[in-house]
Amino acid sequence: MKLSRPRTLLGLILMGLGLVTLPLLLAVAKAALELGELSRESEAVVNESLTATLENQRIASLLTDMERNVRQYLVLQDSGLLELYLEDHEALLRSIAFLGRLPQQEQMAAALGELSGNALAIEATLTGRPQTVDVDELVTRFRAMTVAARNTSEAMSVVINDRLAALEETTRATQQTLGWQAAALLPGTGALVVVFLLFVGRPMRQIDTAIRALGEGQFSDTITISGPRDIETLGRQLEWLRTRLRENTEEKNKFLRHMSHELKTPLANIREGTELLVDGAVGTLDKRQREVTGILRDNGIKLQKLIENLLTFSAWQTKTAALEMSDFDLKPLMLGALSQHQLAISSKQIRPQLEVAPLRIHADEGKLRLVLENLISNAIKFTPERGLIHISASTTSDSLEINVADNGPGVAEEDGERIFEAFYQGRRPQSGPVGGTGIGLSVVAECVQAHGGTVELIKEQWSGAHFRVRLPMSGPDAAAETKAAANA
């Protein structure tokens, strides 16, 4: 018959408890039976030794009485004395018969036979022809019976001692057997506990992994939980939650894309009209008109950048394709990212400080370029004129470390926890004609996390903002496996 697995977590726990405790209960029951048997055998030996001792004492007493009664009977010829002798004779035979039923050796059997034979011979002589009784013969027989009684007692002592020795040996053997059983039972029970914990822990680890993935915004992998029925039901609820979260995220990003595209067309017309005004295509503008036109132009540029960042962020949120990993030199990539902002650097007379040795790394080149461009752009926005931007890269045994720092106002204490949130802008003022949109650092965090790395804000090393990116040299897959093992 095929055993079905428990349908509930409680049933699984009870089954595991039963499997763990059953060997212990069986061992306790077996020990109780063996100890009970030893107790009964010990009690039997004690009772038999006590009874045998009493019977031996009784035989000695009966022999004394019988010899005295016989001597008096032979002198007085009193039938009452003969009757007393015969009563003692019957009692003697009963004692001999009782001792004969006890465990005995050959010596004891011979002594009982001699004792019984002499008693019967004397009884036959007295009841048959009492007038021909030979007193010397009777005395000899009684002496022989006394010796036989003594031999019976000694033989019985030997038998009892042998049984006690055998009982002691059985007790030692039982103790040794119970000890070996306990020694074998402990690792066996421990193995059952480990197996049970693994069996119970597997669905728990699956649930933990699923919840962690949902918390990190990973909605692409189907959630499947195997285990008891109530755990599988919980897994189906988590799968439903994953589906809903994915749908909500897709709807949100779809809305962002549509709105961004819808805004781009009128914005392009506004930008074109503004440029025509600035170029004087509709006539010469006075000073006041040029100021208003400049405001329109700057805010049009800001709005265009915001829309472009919205599209970029939306693409990142919906992108589920694998990283395009390749081997490339890091220094040219950093120089290229820095050159993208050369105009802003020159206009603010910023001094870039680049410290990077020739390094060849394995990563997604496009995403890492986006990380560098956004970090450099963020540093330029907050660096004052004639300020300094520090960019460095180095490797450790297992990671690549990139630092981008500036000597601007830094990040406010209350902004430290939220600067990587999408659309969040810090409270410190930015320099430059076009402000930020609060998306750049969020994109940085997305790219770094896709590589299995981390990005953090470092304090007390530079007067301004200092961002440190760490990427695993072994790649995102190995980093994910290491993280999962640490969380297990």
Foldseek 3Di string as FASTA:
>chain_A
DDDDAAQDPVSLVVVLVCVLCVLVVVLVVVLVVLVVVLVVLVVVLVVVLVLLVVLLVLLLVLLVLLLVLLVVCLVVVDVVSVVVNVVSLVVNVVSLVVLVPDDFDPQLVVLSVLLNVLSVVVNCCCVPPVVPDDPVVNVVSSVSNNVSSVSNNVRVVVVSVVSVVVSVVSVVVSVVVSVVSVVVSVVVSVVSVVVSCCQSVQLVLLVVVLVVCVVVLNLPDARQGDDHNVSRVVSVVSRVVSVVSVVVLLVVLVVLLVVLVVVVVVLVVLLVVLVCVCVQVVHDDDPVVNVVSVVSNLVSVQVNVLSVLSNVVSCLSPDDDAAPKDKDWDPVLLVVLVVVCVVLCVVLVEAEAEAEDTDIAIGRSVLVSLLNNLLVVVQSFFAGRHWYWYWYWDDDPWKIKIKIWTQGQAADPVCQVPLLPAQDDGPDHTDDSHDDRSRSSVSNQSSLVSFLWDKHWDPDPHNYTMIMIIGTRVTNVVSVVVVSVVVD
